[in-house]
PDB file of N, CA and C in Angstrom:
ATOM      1  N   MET A   1      54.135 101.950 129.460  1.00  0.00           N
ATOM      2  CA  MET A   1      53.159 102.611 128.387  1.00  0.00           C
ATOM      3  C   MET A   1      53.229 101.468 128.067  1.00  0.00           C
ATOM      4  N   SER A   2      52.150 101.107 127.558  1.00  0.00           N
ATOM      5  CA  SER A   2      50.520 100.702 127.260  1.00  0.00           C
ATOM      6  C   SER A   2      50.531 100.439 125.780  1.00  0.00           C
ATOM      7  N   LEU A   3      50.419  98.441 125.334  1.00  0.00           N
ATOM      8  CA  LEU A   3      50.341  99.057 123.818  1.00  0.00           C
ATOM      9  C   LEU A   3      48.242  98.314 123.718  1.00  0.00           C
ATOM     10  N   LYS A   4      47.764  98.933 123.073  1.00  0.00           N
ATOM     11  CA  LYS A   4      46.748  98.512 122.234  1.00  0.00           C
ATOM     12  C   LYS A   4      46.673  97.571 121.907  1.00  0.00           C
ATOM     13  N   GLY A   5      45.510  96.754 121.492  1.00  0.00           N
ATOM     14  CA  GLY A   5      45.268  95.278 120.562  1.00  0.00           C
ATOM     15  C   GLY A   5      45.241  95.728 119.383  1.00  0.00           C
ATOM     16  N   ILE A   6      44.307  96.764 118.533  1.00  0.00           N
ATOM     17  CA  ILE A   6      45.286  97.046 117.720  1.00  0.00           C
ATOM     18  C   ILE A   6      46.749  97.402 117.641  1.00  0.00           C
ATOM     19  N   GLU A   7      47.926  97.959 118.014  1.00  0.00           N
ATOM     20  CA  GLU A   7      49.203  98.405 117.759  1.00  0.00           C
ATOM     21  C   GLU A   7      50.114  96.791 119.092  1.00  0.00           C
ATOM     22  N   LEU A   8      49.151  95.645 119.083  1.00  0.00           N
ATOM     23  CA  LEU A   8      50.662  94.783 119.368  1.00  0.00           C
ATOM     24  C   LEU A   8      49.825  93.809 118.037  1.00  0.00           C
ATOM     25  N   GLN A   9      48.587  93.591 117.129  1.00  0.00           N
ATOM     26  CA  GLN A   9      48.347  93.502 115.601  1.00  0.00           C
ATOM     27  C   GLN A   9      50.080  93.368 114.897  1.00  0.00           C
ATOM     28  N   ILE A  10      50.272  94.642 115.185  1.00  0.00           N
ATOM     29  CA  ILE A  10      51.173  94.966 114.293  1.00  0.00           C
ATOM     30  C   ILE A  10      52.775  94.966 114.914  1.00  0.00           C
ATOM     31  N   ALA A  11      52.509  94.736 116.086  1.00  0.00           N
ATOM     32  CA  ALA A  11      54.082  94.711 116.843  1.00  0.00           C
ATOM     33  C   ALA A  11      54.361  93.786 116.846  1.00  0.00           C
ATOM     34  N   ILE A  12      53.774  92.178 117.997  1.00  0.00           N
ATOM     35  CA  ILE A  12      54.032  91.419 117.252  1.00  0.00           C
ATOM     36  C   ILE A  12      54.962  90.369 115.753  1.00  0.00           C
ATOM     37  N   PRO A  13      53.674  90.664 114.458  1.00  0.00           N
ATOM     38  CA  PRO A  13      54.783  89.952 113.335  1.00  0.00           C
ATOM     39  C   PRO A  13      55.430  90.967 113.534  1.00  0.00           C
ATOM     40  N   LYS A  14      56.135  91.724 113.808  1.00  0.00           N
ATOM     41  CA  LYS A  14      57.106  93.264 113.220  1.00  0.00           C
ATOM     42  C   LYS A  14      57.839  92.238 114.036  1.00  0.00           C
ATOM     43  N   THR A  15      57.661  91.914 115.054  1.00  0.00           N
ATOM     44  CA  THR A  15      59.038  91.378 115.675  1.00  0.00           C
ATOM     45  C   THR A  15      59.799  89.701 115.256  1.00  0.00           C
ATOM     46  N   PHE A  16      59.003  88.413 115.125  1.00  0.00           N
ATOM     47  CA  PHE A  16      58.687  87.567 114.498  1.00  0.00           C
ATOM     48  C   PHE A  16      60.337  87.666 113.278  1.00  0.00           C
ATOM     49  N   GLU A  17      59.636  89.186 112.063  1.00  0.00           N
ATOM     50  CA  GLU A  17      60.318  88.794 110.830  1.00  0.00           C
ATOM     51  C   GLU A  17      61.366  90.111 111.663  1.00  0.00           C
ATOM     52  N   ALA A  18      61.735  90.477 112.274  1.00  0.00           N
ATOM     53  CA  ALA A  18      63.507  91.155 112.893  1.00  0.00           C
ATOM     54  C   ALA A  18      63.468  90.165 113.697  1.00  0.00           C
ATOM     55  N   GLY A  19      63.847  88.907 114.399  1.00  0.00           N
ATOM     56  CA  GLY A  19      63.785  87.875 114.199  1.00  0.00           C
ATOM     57  C   GLY A  19      64.713  87.101 112.889  1.00  0.00           C
ATOM     58  N   LYS A  20      63.772  86.987 112.183  1.00  0.00           N
ATOM     59  CA  LYS A  20      64.264  86.203 110.824  1.00  0.00           C
ATOM     60  C   LYS A  20      65.306  86.503 109.966  1.00  0.00           C
ATOM     61  N   ILE A  21      64.757  87.926 110.036  1.00  0.00           N
ATOM     62  CA  ILE A  21      66.241  88.920 109.556  1.00  0.00           C
ATOM     63  C   ILE A  21      67.775  88.705 110.171  1.00  0.00           C
ATOM     64  N   ALA A  22      67.568  88.820 111.779  1.00  0.00           N
ATOM     65  CA  ALA A  22      67.869  89.109 112.646  1.00  0.00           C
ATOM     66  C   ALA A  22      69.321  87.261 112.919  1.00  0.00           C
ATOM     67  N   GLU A  23      68.139  86.200 112.313  1.00  0.00           N
ATOM     68  CA  GLU A  23      69.016  85.516 112.145  1.00  0.00           C
ATOM     69  C   GLU A  23      69.677  85.041 110.277  1.00  0.00           C
ATOM     70  N   GLN A  24      69.178  85.307 109.210  1.00  0.00           N
ATOM     71  CA  GLN A  24      69.927  85.685 108.075  1.00  0.00           C
ATOM     72  C   GLN A  24      71.066  85.908 108.659  1.00  0.00           C
ATOM     73  N   LYS A  25      70.921  87.229 108.691  1.00  0.00           N
ATOM     74  CA  LYS A  25      72.942  88.397 109.037  1.00  0.00           C
ATOM     75  C   LYS A  25      73.580  86.598 109.148  1.00  0.00           C
ATOM     76  N   GLN A  26      73.065  86.306 110.761  1.00  0.00           N
ATOM     77  CA  GLN A  26      73.904  86.034 111.483  1.00  0.00           C
ATOM     78  C   GLN A  26      73.900  83.981 110.585  1.00  0.00           C
ATOM     79  N   GLN A  27      73.499  83.760 109.451  1.00  0.00           N
ATOM     80  CA  GLN A  27      73.484  82.489 108.994  1.00  0.00           C
ATOM     81  C   GLN A  27      74.679  82.934 107.485  1.00  0.00           C
ATOM     82  N   GLN A  28      74.547  84.515 106.610  1.00  0.00           N
ATOM     83  CA  GLN A  28      75.300  85.249 105.805  1.00  0.00           C
ATOM     84  C   GLN A  28      76.486  85.016 106.049  1.00  0.00           C
ATOM     85  N   SER A  29      76.924  85.683 107.888  1.00  0.00           N
ATOM     86  CA  SER A  29      77.892  85.855 108.280  1.00  0.00           C
ATOM     87  C   SER A  29      78.608  84.555 108.408  1.00  0.00           C
ATOM     88  N   GLN A  30      78.882  83.298 109.285  1.00  0.00           N
ATOM     89  CA  GLN A  30      78.611  82.529 109.352  1.00  0.00           C
ATOM     90  C   GLN A  30      79.261  81.853 108.274  1.00  0.00           C
ATOM     91  N   LEU A  31      78.628  81.659 106.609  1.00  0.00           N
ATOM     92  CA  LEU A  31      78.478  81.712 105.265  1.00  0.00           C
ATOM     93  C   LEU A  31      80.101  82.555 104.595  1.00  0.00           C
ATOM     94  N   ASN A  32      80.280  83.193 104.704  1.00  0.00           N
ATOM     95  CA  ASN A  32      81.338  84.555 104.171  1.00  0.00           C
ATOM     96  C   ASN A  32      82.389  83.677 105.508  1.00  0.00           C
ATOM     97  N   GLN A  33      82.327  83.788 107.100  1.00  0.00           N
ATOM     98  CA  GLN A  33      84.082  83.167 106.970  1.00  0.00           C
ATOM     99  C   GLN A  33      84.736  81.690 106.572  1.00  0.00           C
ATOM    100  N   GLU A  34      82.880  80.710 106.497  1.00  0.00           N
ATOM    101  CA  GLU A  34      83.279  79.532 105.767  1.00  0.00           C
ATOM    102  C   GLU A  34      84.056  79.760 104.716  1.00  0.00           C
ATOM    103  N   GLN A  35      84.057  80.270 103.732  1.00  0.00           N
ATOM    104  CA  GLN A  35      84.382  80.974 102.156  1.00  0.00           C
ATOM    105  C   GLN A  35      85.014  81.155 102.736  1.00  0.00           C
ATOM    106  N   ALA A  36      85.896  82.643 102.674  1.00  0.00           N
ATOM    107  CA  ALA A  36      87.586  82.745 103.304  1.00  0.00           C
ATOM    108  C   ALA A  36      87.747  81.888 103.622  1.00  0.00           C
ATOM    109  N   GLN A  37      87.708  80.838 105.042  1.00  0.00           N
ATOM    110  CA  GLN A  37      88.840  79.777 105.666  1.00  0.00           C
ATOM    111  C   GLN A  37      89.086  78.282 104.312  1.00  0.00           C
ATOM    112  N   THR A  38      88.052  78.514 103.593  1.00  0.00           N
ATOM    113  CA  THR A  38      88.148  77.540 102.075  1.00  0.00           C
ATOM    114  C   THR A  38      89.832  78.093 101.495  1.00  0.00           C
ATOM    115  N   LEU A  39      88.482  79.252 101.340  1.00  0.00           N
ATOM    116  CA  LEU A  39      89.450  79.917  99.841  1.00  0.00           C
ATOM    117  C   LEU A  39      91.598  80.405 100.694  1.00  0.00           C
ATOM    118  N   SER A  40      91.044  80.501 101.887  1.00  0.00           N
ATOM    119  CA  SER A  40      92.649  80.464 102.356  1.00  0.00           C
ATOM    120  C   SER A  40      93.445  78.830 102.604  1.00  0.00           C
ATOM    121  N   GLU A  41      92.126  78.344 103.030  1.00  0.00           N
ATOM    122  CA  GLU A  41      93.217  76.527 102.780  1.00  0.00           C
ATOM    123  C   GLU A  41      93.664  76.634 101.209  1.00  0.00           C
ATOM    124  N   LYS A  42      92.964  76.865 100.575  1.00  0.00           N
ATOM    125  CA  LYS A  42      93.017  76.736  98.751  1.00  0.00           C
ATOM    126  C   LYS A  42      94.567  77.173  98.434  1.00  0.00           C
ATOM    127  N   GLU A  43      94.861  78.919  99.329  1.00  0.00           N
ATOM    128  CA  GLU A  43      96.063  79.717  99.409  1.00  0.00           C
ATOM    129  C   GLU A  43      96.886  78.348  99.340  1.00  0.00           C
ATOM    130  N   ALA A  44      96.881  78.288 101.131  1.00  0.00           N
ATOM    131  CA  ALA A  44      97.911  77.769 101.625  1.00  0.00           C
ATOM    132  C   ALA A  44      98.450  75.909 100.664  1.00  0.00           C
ATOM    133  N   LEU A  45      97.596  74.930  99.994  1.00  0.00           N
ATOM    134  CA  LEU A  45      97.743  74.601  99.513  1.00  0.00           C
ATOM    135  C   LEU A  45      98.421  74.392  98.362  1.00  0.00           C
ATOM    136  N   LYS A  46      98.358  76.331  97.187  1.00  0.00           N
ATOM    137  CA  LYS A  46      98.633  76.350  95.751  1.00  0.00           C
ATOM    138  C   LYS A  46     100.194  77.024  96.568  1.00  0.00           C
ATOM    139  N   SER A  47     100.119  77.729  97.377  1.00  0.00           N
ATOM    140  CA  SER A  47     101.998  78.631  97.460  1.00  0.00           C
ATOM    141  C   SER A  47     102.609  77.731  98.848  1.00  0.00           C
ATOM    142  N   ARG A  48     101.929  76.272  98.966  1.00  0.00           N
ATOM    143  CA  ARG A  48     102.734  74.400  99.643  1.00  0.00           C
ATOM    144  C   ARG A  48     103.426  74.191  98.343  1.00  0.00           C
ATOM    145  N   GLU A  49     102.221  73.831  96.432  1.00  0.00           N
ATOM    146  CA  GLU A  49     103.117  73.668  95.860  1.00  0.00           C
ATOM    147  C   GLU A  49     103.871  73.892  94.954  1.00  0.00           C
ATOM    148  N   THR A  50     103.525  75.411  95.290  1.00  0.00           N
ATOM    149  CA  THR A  50     105.027  75.791  93.740  1.00  0.00           C
ATOM    150  C   THR A  50     106.152  77.122  94.623  1.00  0.00           C
ATOM    151  N   VAL A  51     106.862  76.209  93.695  1.00  0.00           N
ATOM    152  CA  VAL A  51     108.451  76.797  93.951  1.00  0.00           C
ATOM    153  C   VAL A  51     108.281  78.357  93.722  1.00  0.00           C
ATOM    154  N   LEU A  52     108.782  78.385  95.432  1.00  0.00           N
ATOM    155  CA  LEU A  52     109.256  81.003  95.496  1.00  0.00           C
ATOM    156  C   LEU A  52     110.325  80.753  94.700  1.00  0.00           C
ATOM    157  N   GLN A  53     111.411  80.130  95.982  1.00  0.00           N
ATOM    158  CA  GLN A  53     112.624  80.378  95.362  1.00  0.00           C
ATOM    159  C   GLN A  53     113.159  79.425  94.715  1.00  0.00           C
ATOM    160  N   SER A  54     114.000  79.973  93.910  1.00  0.00           N
ATOM    161  CA  SER A  54     115.228  78.039  93.584  1.00  0.00           C
ATOM    162  C   SER A  54     116.599  78.934  94.098  1.00  0.00           C
ATOM    163  N   GLU A  55     117.264  77.705  94.622  1.00  0.00           N
ATOM    164  CA  GLU A  55     119.153  77.676  94.562  1.00  0.00           C
ATOM    165  C   GLU A  55     119.448  77.889  93.164  1.00  0.00           C
ATOM    166  N   LYS A  56     120.332  78.308  93.389  1.00  0.00           N
ATOM    167  CA  LYS A  56     122.154  78.356  92.114  1.00  0.00           C
ATOM    168  C   LYS A  56     122.762  76.723  91.712  1.00  0.00           C
ATOM    169  N   TYR A  57     122.419  76.796  93.242  1.00  0.00           N
ATOM    170  CA  TYR A  57     123.342  75.684  92.262  1.00  0.00           C
ATOM    171  C   TYR A  57     121.834  74.043  92.113  1.00  0.00           C
ATOM    172  N   ALA A  58     120.425  74.372  91.931  1.00  0.00           N
ATOM    173  CA  ALA A  58     119.914  73.620  91.213  1.00  0.00           C
ATOM    174  C   ALA A  58     119.446  73.402  90.211  1.00  0.00           C
ATOM    175  N   LYS A  59     120.160  74.779  89.877  1.00  0.00           N
ATOM    176  CA  LYS A  59     120.219  74.028  88.091  1.00  0.00           C
ATOM    177  C   LYS A  59     121.578  73.511  88.116  1.00  0.00           C
ATOM    178  N   THR A  60     121.078  72.656  86.146  1.00  0.00           N
ATOM    179  CA  THR A  60     121.864  71.897  85.524  1.00  0.00           C
ATOM    180  C   THR A  60     121.945  72.308  84.127  1.00  0.00           C
ATOM    181  N   ASP A  61     122.681  71.480  83.254  1.00  0.00           N
ATOM    182  CA  ASP A  61     123.419  72.155  82.575  1.00  0.00           C
ATOM    183  C   ASP A  61     122.587  71.388  81.234  1.00  0.00           C
ATOM    184  N   PRO A  62     122.378  72.266  80.388  1.00  0.00           N
ATOM    185  CA  PRO A  62     120.973  71.901  79.834  1.00  0.00           C
ATOM    186  C   PRO A  62     121.580  70.863  78.456  1.00  0.00           C
ATOM    187  N   ASP A  63     123.251  71.275  78.604  1.00  0.00           N
ATOM    188  CA  ASP A  63     123.473  70.202  77.333  1.00  0.00           C
ATOM    189  C   ASP A  63     124.470  68.953  77.330  1.00  0.00           C
ATOM    190  N   LYS A  64     124.673  68.672  78.651  1.00  0.00           N
ATOM    191  CA  LYS A  64     125.368  67.935  78.857  1.00  0.00           C
ATOM    192  C   LYS A  64     124.203  66.181  79.711  1.00  0.00           C
ATOM    193  N   LYS A  65     123.265  67.716  80.845  1.00  0.00           N
ATOM    194  CA  LYS A  65     121.855  66.349  81.197  1.00  0.00           C
ATOM    195  C   LYS A  65     121.140  65.489  79.469  1.00  0.00           C
ATOM    196  N   ASN A  66     121.255  66.385  78.627  1.00  0.00           N
ATOM    197  CA  ASN A  66     120.377  66.087  77.594  1.00  0.00           C
ATOM    198  C   ASN A  66     121.128  64.949  76.924  1.00  0.00           C
ATOM    199  N   SER A  67     122.419  65.558  76.985  1.00  0.00           N
ATOM    200  CA  SER A  67     123.463  64.336  76.434  1.00  0.00           C
ATOM    201  C   SER A  67     123.226  63.045  77.198  1.00  0.00           C
ATOM    202  N   GLN A  68     123.322  62.703  78.366  1.00  0.00           N
ATOM    203  CA  GLN A  68     123.582  61.551  78.811  1.00  0.00           C
ATOM    204  C   GLN A  68     122.641  60.929  79.063  1.00  0.00           C
ATOM    205  N   GLN A  69     121.229  61.391  78.322  1.00  0.00           N
ATOM    206  CA  GLN A  69     119.230  61.046  78.718  1.00  0.00           C
ATOM    207  C   GLN A  69     119.573  60.185  77.422  1.00  0.00           C
ATOM    208  N   ASP A  70     119.868  61.105  76.165  1.00  0.00           N
ATOM    209  CA  ASP A  70     119.860  61.050  75.144  1.00  0.00           C
ATOM    210  C   ASP A  70     120.718  59.391  74.662  1.00  0.00           C
ATOM    211  N   ARG A  71     120.995  59.293  75.247  1.00  0.00           N
ATOM    212  CA  ARG A  71     123.056  57.825  75.218  1.00  0.00           C
ATOM    213  C   ARG A  71     121.954  56.981  76.553  1.00  0.00           C
ATOM    214  N   GLU A  72     121.171  57.459  77.291  1.00  0.00           N
ATOM    215  CA  GLU A  72     120.726  56.234  78.271  1.00  0.00           C
ATOM    216  C   GLU A  72     119.807  55.531  76.864  1.00  0.00           C
ATOM    217  N   GLN A  73     118.359  56.910  76.690  1.00  0.00           N
ATOM    218  CA  GLN A  73     116.830  56.145  75.878  1.00  0.00           C
ATOM    219  C   GLN A  73     118.387  55.265  74.592  1.00  0.00           C
ATOM    220  N   SER A  74     118.818  55.483  73.912  1.00  0.00           N
ATOM    221  CA  SER A  74     119.305  55.218  72.397  1.00  0.00           C
ATOM    222  C   SER A  74     119.117  53.710  73.162  1.00  0.00           C
ATOM    223  N   LYS A  75     120.677  53.358  74.113  1.00  0.00           N
ATOM    224  CA  LYS A  75     120.499  52.417  74.474  1.00  0.00           C
ATOM    225  C   LYS A  75     119.123  51.314  75.691  1.00  0.00           C
ATOM    226  N   LYS A  76     118.109  52.462  75.958  1.00  0.00           N
ATOM    227  CA  LYS A  76     117.318  51.635  76.218  1.00  0.00           C
ATOM    228  C   LYS A  76     115.792  50.864  74.593  1.00  0.00           C
ATOM    229  N   ASP A  77     116.237  51.847  73.933  1.00  0.00           N
ATOM    230  CA  ASP A  77     115.295  51.056  72.821  1.00  0.00           C
ATOM    231  C   ASP A  77     116.545  50.794  72.148  1.00  0.00           C
ATOM    232  N   ASN A  78     117.069  50.198  71.730  1.00  0.00           N
ATOM    233  CA  ASN A  78     118.003  49.301  71.584  1.00  0.00           C
ATOM    234  C   ASN A  78     117.633  47.620  72.282  1.00  0.00           C
ATOM    235  N   GLN A  79     118.233  47.829  73.482  1.00  0.00           N
ATOM    236  CA  GLN A  79     117.761  47.239  74.335  1.00  0.00           C
ATOM    237  C   GLN A  79     116.380  46.550  73.858  1.00  0.00           C
ATOM    238  N   HIS A  80     115.734  47.340  73.955  1.00  0.00           N
ATOM    239  CA  HIS A  80     113.982  46.934  73.695  1.00  0.00           C
ATOM    240  C   HIS A  80     113.460  46.723  72.582  1.00  0.00           C
ATOM    241  N   ASN A  81     114.715  47.038  71.766  1.00  0.00           N
ATOM    242  CA  ASN A  81     114.329  46.852  70.145  1.00  0.00           C
ATOM    243  C   ASN A  81     114.594  44.660  69.663  1.00  0.00           C
ATOM    244  N   GLU A  82     116.432  44.360  70.231  1.00  0.00           N
ATOM    245  CA  GLU A  82     116.615  43.516  69.835  1.00  0.00           C
ATOM    246  C   GLU A  82     115.081  42.521  70.537  1.00  0.00           C
ATOM    247  N   GLU A  83     115.121  42.439  71.571  1.00  0.00           N
ATOM    248  CA  GLU A  83     114.342  42.309  72.186  1.00  0.00           C
ATOM    249  C   GLU A  83     113.395  41.407  72.347  1.00  0.00           C
ATOM    250  N   GLU A  84     112.273  42.609  70.943  1.00  0.00           N
ATOM    251  CA  GLU A  84     111.727  42.009  70.359  1.00  0.00           C
ATOM    252  C   GLU A  84     111.996  41.373  69.085  1.00  0.00           C
ATOM    253  N   LYS A  85     112.262  41.871  68.797  1.00  0.00           N
ATOM    254  CA  LYS A  85     113.558  40.534  67.604  1.00  0.00           C
ATOM    255  C   LYS A  85     113.665  39.055  67.810  1.00  0.00           C
ATOM    256  N   LYS A  86     113.989  39.377  68.849  1.00  0.00           N
ATOM    257  CA  LYS A  86     113.754  37.606  69.456  1.00  0.00           C
ATOM    258  C   LYS A  86     113.118  37.329  69.749  1.00  0.00           C
ATOM    259  N   THR A  87     111.872  37.656  69.954  1.00  0.00           N
ATOM    260  CA  THR A  87     110.420  36.670  70.435  1.00  0.00           C
ATOM    261  C   THR A  87     109.874  36.149  69.307  1.00  0.00           C
ATOM    262  N   VAL A  88     109.102  35.463  69.520  1.00  0.00           N
ATOM    263  CA  VAL A  88     108.190  35.256  68.152  1.00  0.00           C
ATOM    264  C   VAL A  88     107.134  34.978  69.139  1.00  0.00           C
ATOM    265  N   HIS A  89     105.625  35.462  68.357  1.00  0.00           N
ATOM    266  CA  HIS A  89     104.745  35.145  69.145  1.00  0.00           C
ATOM    267  C   HIS A  89     104.979  33.113  68.538  1.00  0.00           C
ATOM    268  N   PRO A  90     103.421  32.929  69.499  1.00  0.00           N
ATOM    269  CA  PRO A  90     103.024  31.521  69.739  1.00  0.00           C
ATOM    270  C   PRO A  90     102.660  31.638  68.319  1.00  0.00           C
ATOM    271  N   TYR A  91     101.115  32.148  67.862  1.00  0.00           N
ATOM    272  CA  TYR A  91      99.976  31.755  66.453  1.00  0.00           C
ATOM    273  C   TYR A  91      99.813  32.897  65.544  1.00  0.00           C
ATOM    274  N   LYS A  92     100.709  33.899  65.552  1.00  0.00           N
ATOM    275  CA  LYS A  92     101.263  35.289  64.769  1.00  0.00           C
ATOM    276  C   LYS A  92     102.019  34.648  63.454  1.00  0.00           C
ATOM    277  N   GLY A  93     101.646  35.440  62.618  1.00  0.00           N
ATOM    278  CA  GLY A  93     103.101  35.063  61.470  1.00  0.00           C
ATOM    279  C   GLY A  93     104.013  36.036  61.365  1.00  0.00           C
ATOM    280  N   SER A  94     105.000  35.995  60.788  1.00  0.00           N
ATOM    281  CA  SER A  94     105.380  37.208  60.693  1.00  0.00           C
ATOM    282  C   SER A  94     105.938  37.802  58.765  1.00  0.00           C
ATOM    283  N   PHE A  95     104.591  37.209  58.351  1.00  0.00           N
ATOM    284  CA  PHE A  95     104.885  37.880  56.444  1.00  0.00           C
ATOM    285  C   PHE A  95     103.336  38.585  57.145  1.00  0.00           C
ATOM    286  N   VAL A  96     103.877  39.763  56.463  1.00  0.00           N
ATOM    287  CA  VAL A  96     102.424  40.506  56.067  1.00  0.00           C
ATOM    288  C   VAL A  96     101.911  39.957  54.297  1.00  0.00           C
ATOM    289  N   ASP A  97     100.314  40.143  54.121  1.00  0.00           N
ATOM    290  CA  ASP A  97     100.723  39.974  52.927  1.00  0.00           C
ATOM    291  C   ASP A  97      99.569  41.099  51.870  1.00  0.00           C
ATOM    292  N   PHE A  98     100.334  42.801  51.348  1.00  0.00           N
ATOM    293  CA  PHE A  98      99.798  43.475  51.096  1.00  0.00           C
ATOM    294  C   PHE A  98      98.786  43.502  50.241  1.00  0.00           C
ATOM    295  N   THR A  99      98.855  41.957  48.919  1.00  0.00           N
ATOM    296  CA  THR A  99      98.137  42.336  47.306  1.00  0.00           C
ATOM    297  C   THR A  99      96.502  41.435  48.183  1.00  0.00           C
ATOM    298  N   GLY A 100      95.699  42.230  47.177  1.00  0.00           N
ATOM    299  CA  GLY A 100      94.744  43.152  47.711  1.00  0.00           C
ATOM    300  C   GLY A 100      93.573  41.230  47.286  1.00  0.00           C
TER     301      GLY A 100
END
């Protein structure tokens, strides 16, 4: 099969266009694979961070725990308040004048 000059003028640009299209398709498939990989990595990280099952012994009695925490917190608050009362600031006064 022999090609004439005019046919070559049309055929050669068409091969370049076909090559460009093939390269774009290859790059698009690579991008799709990268996006799928990052999506699967995100899902794997999310699944590692979330709790899927909980053990029945992991549950606590809220009444007992809250009362203990309240007692501990009130003790800490009382200690903190006592410490604040004992400390005297070196240059601030202890009286506030609200009269205008």
